[in-house]
Amino acid sequence: DNKKAKTVQKGYLPNLNSLYKKKKGICFDYAATMTAMLRSQGV
């Protein structure tokens, strides 16, 4: 999400259910998504 990357505010935290619906995000969103998915599978 290039627009989000340019406008994201300090203190931003990923909302995973919102990201699931949009399927768009910045690097923080990608990393948080994959981390949550793997941790939930015991990795």
PDB file of all heavy atoms in Angstrom:
ATOM      1  N   ASP A   1       0.846  -1.192   0.000  1.00  0.00           N
ATOM      2  CA  ASP A   1       0.000   0.000   0.000  1.00  0.00           C
ATOM      3  C   ASP A   1       0.885   1.246   0.000  1.00  0.00           C
ATOM      4  O   ASP A   1       1.310   1.723   1.053  1.00  0.00           O
ATOM      5  CB  ASP A   1      -0.907  -0.023   1.231  1.00  0.00           C
ATOM      6  CG  ASP A   1      -2.023   1.009   1.158  1.00  0.00           C
ATOM      7  OD1 ASP A   1      -1.834   2.034   0.488  1.00  0.00           O
ATOM      8  OD2 ASP A   1      -3.085   0.780   1.781  1.00  0.00           O
ATOM      9  N   ASN A   2       1.160   1.771  -1.178  1.00  0.00           N
ATOM     10  CA  ASN A   2       2.049   2.925  -1.300  1.00  0.00           C
ATOM     11  C   ASN A   2       1.468   4.175  -0.647  1.00  0.00           C
ATOM     12  O   ASN A   2       2.201   4.957  -0.037  1.00  0.00           O
ATOM     13  CB  ASN A   2       2.346   3.208  -2.783  1.00  0.00           C
ATOM     14  CG  ASN A   2       3.245   2.156  -3.398  1.00  0.00           C
ATOM     15  OD1 ASN A   2       4.429   2.078  -3.083  1.00  0.00           O
ATOM     16  ND2 ASN A   2       2.676   1.346  -4.281  1.00  0.00           N
ATOM     17  N   LYS A   3       0.162   4.365  -0.760  1.00  0.00           N
ATOM     18  CA  LYS A   3      -0.471   5.527  -0.146  1.00  0.00           C
ATOM     19  C   LYS A   3      -0.337   5.480   1.368  1.00  0.00           C
ATOM     20  O   LYS A   3      -0.009   6.477   2.018  1.00  0.00           O
ATOM     21  CB  LYS A   3      -1.943   5.587  -0.547  1.00  0.00           C
ATOM     22  CG  LYS A   3      -2.667   6.794   0.016  1.00  0.00           C
ATOM     23  CD  LYS A   3      -4.127   6.824  -0.430  1.00  0.00           C
ATOM     24  CE  LYS A   3      -4.852   8.026   0.155  1.00  0.00           C
ATOM     25  NZ  LYS A   3      -6.294   8.042  -0.268  1.00  0.00           N
ATOM     26  N   LYS A   4      -0.573   4.308   1.940  1.00  0.00           N
ATOM     27  CA  LYS A   4      -0.447   4.141   3.392  1.00  0.00           C
ATOM     28  C   LYS A   4       0.981   4.389   3.843  1.00  0.00           C
ATOM     29  O   LYS A   4       1.213   4.988   4.899  1.00  0.00           O
ATOM     30  CB  LYS A   4      -0.893   2.734   3.783  1.00  0.00           C
ATOM     31  CG  LYS A   4      -0.947   2.468   5.278  1.00  0.00           C
ATOM     32  CD  LYS A   4      -1.498   1.069   5.527  1.00  0.00           C
ATOM     33  CE  LYS A   4      -1.643   0.748   7.002  1.00  0.00           C
ATOM     34  NZ  LYS A   4      -2.219  -0.604   7.223  1.00  0.00           N
ATOM     35  N   ALA A   5       1.934   3.921   3.058  1.00  0.00           N
ATOM     36  CA  ALA A   5       3.347   4.102   3.404  1.00  0.00           C
ATOM     37  C   ALA A   5       3.713   5.578   3.510  1.00  0.00           C
ATOM     38  O   ALA A   5       4.560   5.965   4.328  1.00  0.00           O
ATOM     39  CB  ALA A   5       4.231   3.416   2.368  1.00  0.00           C
ATOM     40  N   LYS A   6       3.068   6.421   2.705  1.00  0.00           N
ATOM     41  CA  LYS A   6       3.367   7.851   2.696  1.00  0.00           C
ATOM     42  C   LYS A   6       2.627   8.619   3.795  1.00  0.00           C
ATOM     43  O   LYS A   6       3.037   9.717   4.175  1.00  0.00           O
ATOM     44  CB  LYS A   6       3.012   8.449   1.334  1.00  0.00           C
ATOM     45  CG  LYS A   6       3.875   7.926   0.198  1.00  0.00           C
ATOM     46  CD  LYS A   6       3.411   8.490  -1.139  1.00  0.00           C
ATOM     47  CE  LYS A   6       4.248   7.939  -2.285  1.00  0.00           C
ATOM     48  NZ  LYS A   6       3.788   8.446  -3.607  1.00  0.00           N
ATOM     49  N   THR A   7       1.536   8.025   4.298  1.00  0.00           N
ATOM     50  CA  THR A   7       0.684   8.772   5.230  1.00  0.00           C
ATOM     51  C   THR A   7       0.608   8.152   6.623  1.00  0.00           C
ATOM     52  O   THR A   7      -0.017   8.735   7.512  1.00  0.00           O
ATOM     53  CB  THR A   7      -0.745   8.873   4.666  1.00  0.00           C
ATOM     54  OG1 THR A   7      -1.264   7.551   4.452  1.00  0.00           O
ATOM     55  CG2 THR A   7      -0.751   9.632   3.345  1.00  0.00           C
ATOM     56  N   VAL A   8       1.221   6.975   6.834  1.00  0.00           N
ATOM     57  CA  VAL A   8       1.102   6.281   8.113  1.00  0.00           C
ATOM     58  C   VAL A   8       1.628   7.156   9.251  1.00  0.00           C
ATOM     59  O   VAL A   8       2.656   7.838   9.117  1.00  0.00           O
ATOM     60  CB  VAL A   8       1.846   4.928   8.081  1.00  0.00           C
ATOM     61  CG1 VAL A   8       3.349   5.107   7.915  1.00  0.00           C
ATOM     62  CG2 VAL A   8       1.502   4.092   9.305  1.00  0.00           C
ATOM     63  N   GLN A   9       0.912   7.158  10.357  1.00  0.00           N
ATOM     64  CA  GLN A   9       1.258   7.999  11.499  1.00  0.00           C
ATOM     65  C   GLN A   9       2.142   7.256  12.495  1.00  0.00           C
ATOM     66  O   GLN A   9       2.090   6.024  12.600  1.00  0.00           O
ATOM     67  CB  GLN A   9      -0.021   8.463  12.207  1.00  0.00           C
ATOM     68  CG  GLN A   9      -0.935   9.305  11.341  1.00  0.00           C
ATOM     69  CD  GLN A   9      -0.317  10.632  10.945  1.00  0.00           C
ATOM     70  OE1 GLN A   9       0.149  11.388  11.801  1.00  0.00           O
ATOM     71  NE2 GLN A   9      -0.314  10.929   9.656  1.00  0.00           N
ATOM     72  N   LYS A  10       2.924   8.012  13.226  1.00  0.00           N
ATOM     73  CA  LYS A  10       3.757   7.445  14.287  1.00  0.00           C
ATOM     74  C   LYS A  10       2.863   6.757  15.314  1.00  0.00           C
ATOM     75  O   LYS A  10       1.824   7.267  15.695  1.00  0.00           O
ATOM     76  CB  LYS A  10       4.571   8.556  14.953  1.00  0.00           C
ATOM     77  CG  LYS A  10       5.639   8.061  15.909  1.00  0.00           C
ATOM     78  CD  LYS A  10       6.485   9.213  16.420  1.00  0.00           C
ATOM     79  CE  LYS A  10       7.571   8.712  17.339  1.00  0.00           C
ATOM     80  NZ  LYS A  10       8.410   9.831  17.849  1.00  0.00           N
ATOM     81  N   GLY A  11       3.269   5.567  15.766  1.00  0.00           N
ATOM     82  CA  GLY A  11       2.479   4.819  16.724  1.00  0.00           C
ATOM     83  C   GLY A  11       1.482   3.873  16.079  1.00  0.00           C
ATOM     84  O   GLY A  11       0.704   3.219  16.785  1.00  0.00           O
ATOM     85  N   TYR A  12       1.507   3.779  14.745  1.00  0.00           N
ATOM     86  CA  TYR A  12       0.592   2.883  14.036  1.00  0.00           C
ATOM     87  C   TYR A  12       0.797   1.432  14.464  1.00  0.00           C
ATOM     88  O   TYR A  12       1.922   0.964  14.637  1.00  0.00           O
ATOM     89  CB  TYR A  12       0.819   3.000  12.524  1.00  0.00           C
ATOM     90  CG  TYR A  12       0.169   1.886  11.734  1.00  0.00           C
ATOM     91  CD1 TYR A  12      -1.203   1.887  11.510  1.00  0.00           C
ATOM     92  CD2 TYR A  12       0.923   0.809  11.248  1.00  0.00           C
ATOM     93  CE1 TYR A  12      -1.815   0.852  10.811  1.00  0.00           C
ATOM     94  CE2 TYR A  12       0.320  -0.220  10.540  1.00  0.00           C
ATOM     95  CZ  TYR A  12      -1.050  -0.192  10.320  1.00  0.00           C
ATOM     96  OH  TYR A  12      -1.643  -1.217   9.638  1.00  0.00           O
ATOM     97  N   LEU A  13      -0.322   0.707  14.628  1.00  0.00           N
ATOM     98  CA  LEU A  13      -0.297  -0.714  14.945  1.00  0.00           C
ATOM     99  C   LEU A  13      -1.183  -1.467  13.951  1.00  0.00           C
ATOM    100  O   LEU A  13      -2.299  -1.027  13.665  1.00  0.00           O
ATOM    101  CB  LEU A  13      -0.813  -0.962  16.371  1.00  0.00           C
ATOM    102  CG  LEU A  13       0.028  -0.394  17.511  1.00  0.00           C
ATOM    103  CD1 LEU A  13      -0.717  -0.537  18.833  1.00  0.00           C
ATOM    104  CD2 LEU A  13       1.387  -1.079  17.590  1.00  0.00           C
ATOM    105  N   PRO A  14      -0.730  -2.602  13.422  1.00  0.00           N
ATOM    106  CA  PRO A  14      -1.537  -3.356  12.470  1.00  0.00           C
ATOM    107  C   PRO A  14      -2.820  -3.912  13.096  1.00  0.00           C
ATOM    108  O   PRO A  14      -2.796  -4.426  14.213  1.00  0.00           O
ATOM    109  CB  PRO A  14      -0.616  -4.512  12.055  1.00  0.00           C
ATOM    110  CG  PRO A  14       0.771  -4.010  12.335  1.00  0.00           C
ATOM    111  CD  PRO A  14       0.629  -3.163  13.563  1.00  0.00           C
ATOM    112  N   ASN A  15      -3.924  -3.806  12.368  1.00  0.00           N
ATOM    113  CA  ASN A  15      -5.183  -4.458  12.725  1.00  0.00           C
ATOM    114  C   ASN A  15      -5.349  -5.619  11.756  1.00  0.00           C
ATOM    115  O   ASN A  15      -5.666  -5.424  10.579  1.00  0.00           O
ATOM    116  CB  ASN A  15      -6.350  -3.474  12.609  1.00  0.00           C
ATOM    117  CG  ASN A  15      -7.676  -4.092  13.004  1.00  0.00           C
ATOM    118  OD1 ASN A  15      -8.014  -5.191  12.576  1.00  0.00           O
ATOM    119  ND2 ASN A  15      -8.440  -3.387  13.824  1.00  0.00           N
ATOM    120  N   LEU A  16      -5.137  -6.836  12.236  1.00  0.00           N
ATOM    121  CA  LEU A  16      -5.053  -7.973  11.330  1.00  0.00           C
ATOM    122  C   LEU A  16      -6.368  -8.288  10.621  1.00  0.00           C
ATOM    123  O   LEU A  16      -6.358  -8.678   9.452  1.00  0.00           O
ATOM    124  CB  LEU A  16      -4.540  -9.204  12.086  1.00  0.00           C
ATOM    125  CG  LEU A  16      -3.103  -9.088  12.612  1.00  0.00           C
ATOM    126  CD1 LEU A  16      -2.660 -10.404  13.233  1.00  0.00           C
ATOM    127  CD2 LEU A  16      -2.137  -8.666  11.519  1.00  0.00           C
ATOM    128  N   ASN A  17      -7.499  -8.117  11.278  1.00  0.00           N
ATOM    129  CA  ASN A  17      -8.765  -8.395  10.603  1.00  0.00           C
ATOM    130  C   ASN A  17      -9.047  -7.370   9.502  1.00  0.00           C
ATOM    131  O   ASN A  17      -9.590  -7.708   8.448  1.00  0.00           O
ATOM    132  CB  ASN A  17      -9.919  -8.441  11.603  1.00  0.00           C
ATOM    133  CG  ASN A  17     -10.008  -9.787  12.304  1.00  0.00           C
ATOM    134  OD1 ASN A  17      -9.543 -10.805  11.790  1.00  0.00           O
ATOM    135  ND2 ASN A  17     -10.598  -9.800  13.484  1.00  0.00           N
ATOM    136  N   SER A  18      -8.654  -6.130   9.729  1.00  0.00           N
ATOM    137  CA  SER A  18      -8.788  -5.115   8.688  1.00  0.00           C
ATOM    138  C   SER A  18      -7.873  -5.422   7.514  1.00  0.00           C
ATOM    139  O   SER A  18      -8.257  -5.285   6.340  1.00  0.00           O
ATOM    140  CB  SER A  18      -8.469  -3.736   9.265  1.00  0.00           C
ATOM    141  OG  SER A  18      -8.510  -2.742   8.263  1.00  0.00           O
ATOM    142  N   LEU A  19      -6.664  -5.869   7.813  1.00  0.00           N
ATOM    143  CA  LEU A  19      -5.714  -6.236   6.757  1.00  0.00           C
ATOM    144  C   LEU A  19      -6.209  -7.432   5.957  1.00  0.00           C
ATOM    145  O   LEU A  19      -6.010  -7.510   4.743  1.00  0.00           O
ATOM    146  CB  LEU A  19      -4.346  -6.552   7.367  1.00  0.00           C
ATOM    147  CG  LEU A  19      -3.569  -5.368   7.928  1.00  0.00           C
ATOM    148  CD1 LEU A  19      -2.339  -5.865   8.682  1.00  0.00           C
ATOM    149  CD2 LEU A  19      -3.148  -4.418   6.814  1.00  0.00           C
ATOM    150  N   TYR A  20      -6.853  -8.368   6.627  1.00  0.00           N
ATOM    151  CA  TYR A  20      -7.377  -9.553   5.937  1.00  0.00           C
ATOM    152  C   TYR A  20      -8.409  -9.148   4.885  1.00  0.00           C
ATOM    153  O   TYR A  20      -8.464  -9.716   3.794  1.00  0.00           O
ATOM    154  CB  TYR A  20      -8.009 -10.511   6.945  1.00  0.00           C
ATOM    155  CG  TYR A  20      -8.452 -11.814   6.324  1.00  0.00           C
ATOM    156  CD1 TYR A  20      -7.563 -12.875   6.184  1.00  0.00           C
ATOM    157  CD2 TYR A  20      -9.756 -11.981   5.870  1.00  0.00           C
ATOM    158  CE1 TYR A  20      -7.960 -14.075   5.606  1.00  0.00           C
ATOM    159  CE2 TYR A  20     -10.163 -13.176   5.295  1.00  0.00           C
ATOM    160  CZ  TYR A  20      -9.263 -14.220   5.170  1.00  0.00           C
ATOM    161  OH  TYR A  20      -9.653 -15.398   4.588  1.00  0.00           O
ATOM    162  N   LYS A  21      -9.219  -8.160   5.218  1.00  0.00           N
ATOM    163  CA  LYS A  21     -10.249  -7.699   4.291  1.00  0.00           C
ATOM    164  C   LYS A  21      -9.638  -6.924   3.124  1.00  0.00           C
ATOM    165  O   LYS A  21     -10.012  -7.138   1.964  1.00  0.00           O
ATOM    166  CB  LYS A  21     -11.250  -6.805   5.042  1.00  0.00           C
ATOM    167  CG  LYS A  21     -12.408  -6.318   4.192  1.00  0.00           C
ATOM    168  CD  LYS A  21     -13.380  -5.503   5.019  1.00  0.00           C
ATOM    169  CE  LYS A  21     -14.549  -5.008   4.180  1.00  0.00           C
ATOM    170  NZ  LYS A  21     -15.516  -4.207   4.991  1.00  0.00           N
ATOM    171  N   LYS A  22      -8.654  -6.081   3.412  1.00  0.00           N
ATOM    172  CA  LYS A  22      -8.078  -5.218   2.373  1.00  0.00           C
ATOM    173  C   LYS A  22      -6.993  -5.913   1.550  1.00  0.00           C
ATOM    174  O   LYS A  22      -6.782  -5.577   0.390  1.00  0.00           O
ATOM    175  CB  LYS A  22      -7.493  -3.962   3.017  1.00  0.00           C
ATOM    176  CG  LYS A  22      -8.525  -3.063   3.672  1.00  0.00           C
ATOM    177  CD  LYS A  22      -7.850  -1.865   4.328  1.00  0.00           C
ATOM    178  CE  LYS A  22      -8.881  -0.952   4.994  1.00  0.00           C
ATOM    179  NZ  LYS A  22      -8.243   0.197   5.691  1.00  0.00           N
ATOM    180  N   LYS A  23      -6.273  -6.838   2.186  1.00  0.00           N
ATOM    181  CA  LYS A  23      -5.143  -7.528   1.552  1.00  0.00           C
ATOM    182  C   LYS A  23      -4.103  -6.525   1.026  1.00  0.00           C
ATOM    183  O   LYS A  23      -3.450  -6.753   0.017  1.00  0.00           O
ATOM    184  CB  LYS A  23      -5.626  -8.416   0.406  1.00  0.00           C
ATOM    185  CG  LYS A  23      -6.552  -9.554   0.825  1.00  0.00           C
ATOM    186  CD  LYS A  23      -5.872 -10.565   1.724  1.00  0.00           C
ATOM    187  CE  LYS A  23      -6.666 -11.854   1.863  1.00  0.00           C
ATOM    188  NZ  LYS A  23      -7.998 -11.669   2.461  1.00  0.00           N
ATOM    189  N   LYS A  24      -3.981  -5.401   1.709  1.00  0.00           N
ATOM    190  CA  LYS A  24      -2.988  -4.385   1.359  1.00  0.00           C
ATOM    191  C   LYS A  24      -2.339  -3.868   2.632  1.00  0.00           C
ATOM    192  O   LYS A  24      -3.010  -3.760   3.663  1.00  0.00           O
ATOM    193  CB  LYS A  24      -3.641  -3.201   0.622  1.00  0.00           C
ATOM    194  CG  LYS A  24      -4.136  -3.516  -0.755  1.00  0.00           C
ATOM    195  CD  LYS A  24      -4.804  -2.295  -1.368  1.00  0.00           C
ATOM    196  CE  LYS A  24      -3.799  -1.195  -1.688  1.00  0.00           C
ATOM    197  NZ  LYS A  24      -4.431  -0.046  -2.392  1.00  0.00           N
ATOM    198  N   GLY A  25      -1.034  -3.567   2.563  1.00  0.00           N
ATOM    199  CA  GLY A  25      -0.386  -3.055   3.760  1.00  0.00           C
ATOM    200  C   GLY A  25       1.043  -2.629   3.502  1.00  0.00           C
ATOM    201  O   GLY A  25       1.556  -2.724   2.391  1.00  0.00           O
ATOM    202  N   ILE A  26       1.679  -2.149   4.559  1.00  0.00           N
ATOM    203  CA  ILE A  26       3.089  -1.765   4.507  1.00  0.00           C
ATOM    204  C   ILE A  26       3.928  -2.899   5.099  1.00  0.00           C
ATOM    205  O   ILE A  26       3.384  -3.919   5.530  1.00  0.00           O
ATOM    206  CB  ILE A  26       3.318  -0.440   5.270  1.00  0.00           C
ATOM    207  CG1 ILE A  26       2.855  -0.566   6.735  1.00  0.00           C
ATOM    208  CG2 ILE A  26       2.607   0.714   4.570  1.00  0.00           C
ATOM    209  CD1 ILE A  26       3.130   0.665   7.575  1.00  0.00           C
ATOM    210  N   CYS A  27       5.235  -2.735   5.135  1.00  0.00           N
ATOM    211  CA  CYS A  27       6.112  -3.819   5.573  1.00  0.00           C
ATOM    212  C   CYS A  27       5.769  -4.306   6.977  1.00  0.00           C
ATOM    213  O   CYS A  27       5.817  -5.510   7.259  1.00  0.00           O
ATOM    214  CB  CYS A  27       7.577  -3.386   5.499  1.00  0.00           C
ATOM    215  SG  CYS A  27       8.003  -1.951   6.509  1.00  0.00           S
ATOM    216  N   PHE A  28       5.404  -3.401   7.875  1.00  0.00           N
ATOM    217  CA  PHE A  28       5.008  -3.746   9.233  1.00  0.00           C
ATOM    218  C   PHE A  28       3.803  -4.684   9.197  1.00  0.00           C
ATOM    219  O   PHE A  28       3.720  -5.666   9.940  1.00  0.00           O
ATOM    220  CB  PHE A  28       4.690  -2.459   9.990  1.00  0.00           C
ATOM    221  CG  PHE A  28       4.471  -2.605  11.476  1.00  0.00           C
ATOM    222  CD1 PHE A  28       4.673  -3.799  12.142  1.00  0.00           C
ATOM    223  CD2 PHE A  28       4.066  -1.501  12.229  1.00  0.00           C
ATOM    224  CE1 PHE A  28       4.468  -3.916  13.511  1.00  0.00           C
ATOM    225  CE2 PHE A  28       3.857  -1.598  13.594  1.00  0.00           C
ATOM    226  CZ  PHE A  28       4.045  -2.816  14.227  1.00  0.00           C
ATOM    227  N   ASP A  29       2.856  -4.393   8.295  1.00  0.00           N
ATOM    228  CA  ASP A  29       1.654  -5.224   8.165  1.00  0.00           C
ATOM    229  C   ASP A  29       1.996  -6.628   7.668  1.00  0.00           C
ATOM    230  O   ASP A  29       1.484  -7.626   8.187  1.00  0.00           O
ATOM    231  CB  ASP A  29       0.671  -4.567   7.195  1.00  0.00           C
ATOM    232  CG  ASP A  29       0.151  -3.236   7.686  1.00  0.00           C
ATOM    233  OD1 ASP A  29      -0.049  -3.095   8.906  1.00  0.00           O
ATOM    234  OD2 ASP A  29      -0.052  -2.334   6.862  1.00  0.00           O
ATOM    235  N   TYR A  30       2.845  -6.709   6.659  1.00  0.00           N
ATOM    236  CA  TYR A  30       3.269  -8.008   6.131  1.00  0.00           C
ATOM    237  C   TYR A  30       3.905  -8.842   7.239  1.00  0.00           C
ATOM    238  O   TYR A  30       3.590 -10.022   7.416  1.00  0.00           O
ATOM    239  CB  TYR A  30       4.305  -7.818   5.025  1.00  0.00           C
ATOM    240  CG  TYR A  30       3.765  -7.540   3.642  1.00  0.00           C
ATOM    241  CD1 TYR A  30       3.281  -6.284   3.290  1.00  0.00           C
ATOM    242  CD2 TYR A  30       3.782  -8.531   2.671  1.00  0.00           C
ATOM    243  CE1 TYR A  30       2.829  -6.022   2.014  1.00  0.00           C
ATOM    244  CE2 TYR A  30       3.328  -8.281   1.375  1.00  0.00           C
ATOM    245  CZ  TYR A  30       2.850  -7.018   1.053  1.00  0.00           C
ATOM    246  OH  TYR A  30       2.402  -6.764  -0.216  1.00  0.00           O
ATOM    247  N   ALA A  31       4.839  -8.232   7.959  1.00  0.00           N
ATOM    248  CA  ALA A  31       5.576  -8.968   8.991  1.00  0.00           C
ATOM    249  C   ALA A  31       4.664  -9.386  10.138  1.00  0.00           C
ATOM    250  O   ALA A  31       4.751 -10.519  10.636  1.00  0.00           O
ATOM    251  CB  ALA A  31       6.730  -8.108   9.511  1.00  0.00           C
ATOM    252  N   ALA A  32       3.778  -8.487  10.577  1.00  0.00           N
ATOM    253  CA  ALA A  32       2.865  -8.811  11.672  1.00  0.00           C
ATOM    254  C   ALA A  32       1.899  -9.918  11.266  1.00  0.00           C
ATOM    255  O   ALA A  32       1.584 -10.818  12.059  1.00  0.00           O
ATOM    256  CB  ALA A  32       2.085  -7.569  12.104  1.00  0.00           C
ATOM    257  N   THR A  33       1.423  -9.871  10.020  1.00  0.00           N
ATOM    258  CA  THR A  33       0.510 -10.897   9.517  1.00  0.00           C
ATOM    259  C   THR A  33       1.161 -12.271   9.538  1.00  0.00           C
ATOM    260  O   THR A  33       0.604 -13.241  10.078  1.00  0.00           O
ATOM    261  CB  THR A  33       0.071 -10.554   8.079  1.00  0.00           C
ATOM    262  OG1 THR A  33      -0.693  -9.356   8.100  1.00  0.00           O
ATOM    263  CG2 THR A  33      -0.765 -11.682   7.490  1.00  0.00           C
ATOM    264  N   MET A  34       2.346 -12.359   8.969  1.00  0.00           N
ATOM    265  CA  MET A  34       2.997 -13.663   8.890  1.00  0.00           C
ATOM    266  C   MET A  34       3.421 -14.154  10.268  1.00  0.00           C
ATOM    267  O   MET A  34       3.336 -15.344  10.575  1.00  0.00           O
ATOM    268  CB  MET A  34       4.201 -13.593   7.955  1.00  0.00           C
ATOM    269  CG  MET A  34       4.699 -14.956   7.533  1.00  0.00           C
ATOM    270  SD  MET A  34       5.915 -14.866   6.216  1.00  0.00           S
ATOM    271  CE  MET A  34       6.446 -16.581   6.229  1.00  0.00           C
ATOM    272  N   THR A  35       3.842 -13.244  11.131  1.00  0.00           N
ATOM    273  CA  THR A  35       4.221 -13.615  12.496  1.00  0.00           C
ATOM    274  C   THR A  35       3.029 -14.196  13.247  1.00  0.00           C
ATOM    275  O   THR A  35       3.122 -15.244  13.902  1.00  0.00           O
ATOM    276  CB  THR A  35       4.778 -12.395  13.254  1.00  0.00           C
ATOM    277  OG1 THR A  35       5.940 -11.915  12.577  1.00  0.00           O
ATOM    278  CG2 THR A  35       5.160 -12.761  14.676  1.00  0.00           C
ATOM    279  N   ALA A  36       1.874 -13.541  13.158  1.00  0.00           N
ATOM    280  CA  ALA A  36       0.670 -14.039  13.837  1.00  0.00           C
ATOM    281  C   ALA A  36       0.261 -15.404  13.300  1.00  0.00           C
ATOM    282  O   ALA A  36      -0.085 -16.308  14.063  1.00  0.00           O
ATOM    283  CB  ALA A  36      -0.472 -13.037  13.671  1.00  0.00           C
ATOM    284  N   MET A  37       0.298 -15.567  11.996  1.00  0.00           N
ATOM    285  CA  MET A  37      -0.103 -16.830  11.387  1.00  0.00           C
ATOM    286  C   MET A  37       0.802 -17.971  11.847  1.00  0.00           C
ATOM    287  O   MET A  37       0.334 -19.053  12.199  1.00  0.00           O
ATOM    288  CB  MET A  37      -0.089 -16.707   9.866  1.00  0.00           C
ATOM    289  CG  MET A  37      -1.167 -15.765   9.313  1.00  0.00           C
ATOM    290  SD  MET A  37      -1.101 -15.556   7.514  1.00  0.00           S
ATOM    291  CE  MET A  37      -1.915 -17.078   6.964  1.00  0.00           C
ATOM    292  N   LEU A  38       2.106 -17.727  11.866  1.00  0.00           N
ATOM    293  CA  LEU A  38       3.051 -18.771  12.259  1.00  0.00           C
ATOM    294  C   LEU A  38       2.983 -19.060  13.758  1.00  0.00           C
ATOM    295  O   LEU A  38       3.003 -20.216  14.178  1.00  0.00           O
ATOM    296  CB  LEU A  38       4.465 -18.375  11.848  1.00  0.00           C
ATOM    297  CG  LEU A  38       4.744 -18.483  10.351  1.00  0.00           C
ATOM    298  CD1 LEU A  38       6.056 -17.808   9.993  1.00  0.00           C
ATOM    299  CD2 LEU A  38       4.770 -19.941   9.902  1.00  0.00           C
ATOM    300  N   ARG A  39       2.898 -18.029  14.570  1.00  0.00           N
ATOM    301  CA  ARG A  39       2.796 -18.258  16.022  1.00  0.00           C
ATOM    302  C   ARG A  39       1.545 -19.052  16.360  1.00  0.00           C
ATOM    303  O   ARG A  39       1.571 -19.907  17.245  1.00  0.00           O
ATOM    304  CB  ARG A  39       2.804 -16.918  16.773  1.00  0.00           C
ATOM    305  CG  ARG A  39       4.151 -16.230  16.790  1.00  0.00           C
ATOM    306  CD  ARG A  39       4.139 -14.967  17.626  1.00  0.00           C
ATOM    307  NE  ARG A  39       5.425 -14.281  17.546  1.00  0.00           N
ATOM    308  CZ  ARG A  39       5.723 -13.141  18.168  1.00  0.00           C
ATOM    309  NH1 ARG A  39       4.813 -12.553  18.929  1.00  0.00           N
ATOM    310  NH2 ARG A  39       6.917 -12.598  18.027  1.00  0.00           N
ATOM    311  N   SER A  40       0.469 -18.770  15.646  1.00  0.00           N
ATOM    312  CA  SER A  40      -0.774 -19.493  15.923  1.00  0.00           C
ATOM    313  C   SER A  40      -0.670 -20.962  15.542  1.00  0.00           C
ATOM    314  O   SER A  40      -1.485 -21.776  15.982  1.00  0.00           O
ATOM    315  CB  SER A  40      -1.943 -18.848  15.168  1.00  0.00           C
ATOM    316  OG  SER A  40      -1.881 -19.131  13.777  1.00  0.00           O
ATOM    317  N   GLN A  41       0.347 -21.309  14.779  1.00  0.00           N
ATOM    318  CA  GLN A  41       0.598 -22.700  14.419  1.00  0.00           C
ATOM    319  C   GLN A  41       1.773 -23.282  15.209  1.00  0.00           C
ATOM    320  O   GLN A  41       2.334 -24.319  14.838  1.00  0.00           O
ATOM    321  CB  GLN A  41       0.867 -22.805  12.919  1.00  0.00           C
ATOM    322  CG  GLN A  41      -0.386 -22.630  12.079  1.00  0.00           C
ATOM    323  CD  GLN A  41      -1.454 -23.669  12.414  1.00  0.00           C
ATOM    324  OE1 GLN A  41      -1.195 -24.865  12.367  1.00  0.00           O
ATOM    325  NE2 GLN A  41      -2.641 -23.214  12.772  1.00  0.00           N
ATOM    326  N   GLY A  42       2.152 -22.598  16.295  1.00  0.00           N
ATOM    327  CA  GLY A  42       3.188 -23.105  17.182  1.00  0.00           C
ATOM    328  C   GLY A  42       4.603 -22.948  16.671  1.00  0.00           C
ATOM    329  O   GLY A  42       5.526 -23.585  17.193  1.00  0.00           O
ATOM    330  N   VAL A  43       4.819 -22.103  15.665  1.00  0.00           N
ATOM    331  CA  VAL A  43       6.155 -21.873  15.119  1.00  0.00           C
ATOM    332  C   VAL A  43       6.731 -20.597  15.734  1.00  0.00           C
ATOM    333  O   VAL A  43       6.206 -19.504  15.492  1.00  0.00           O
ATOM    334  CB  VAL A  43       6.116 -21.729  13.584  1.00  0.00           C
ATOM    335  CG1 VAL A  43       7.538 -21.507  13.038  1.00  0.00           C
ATOM    336  CG2 VAL A  43       5.484 -22.961  12.945  1.00  0.00           C
TER     337      VAL A  43
END
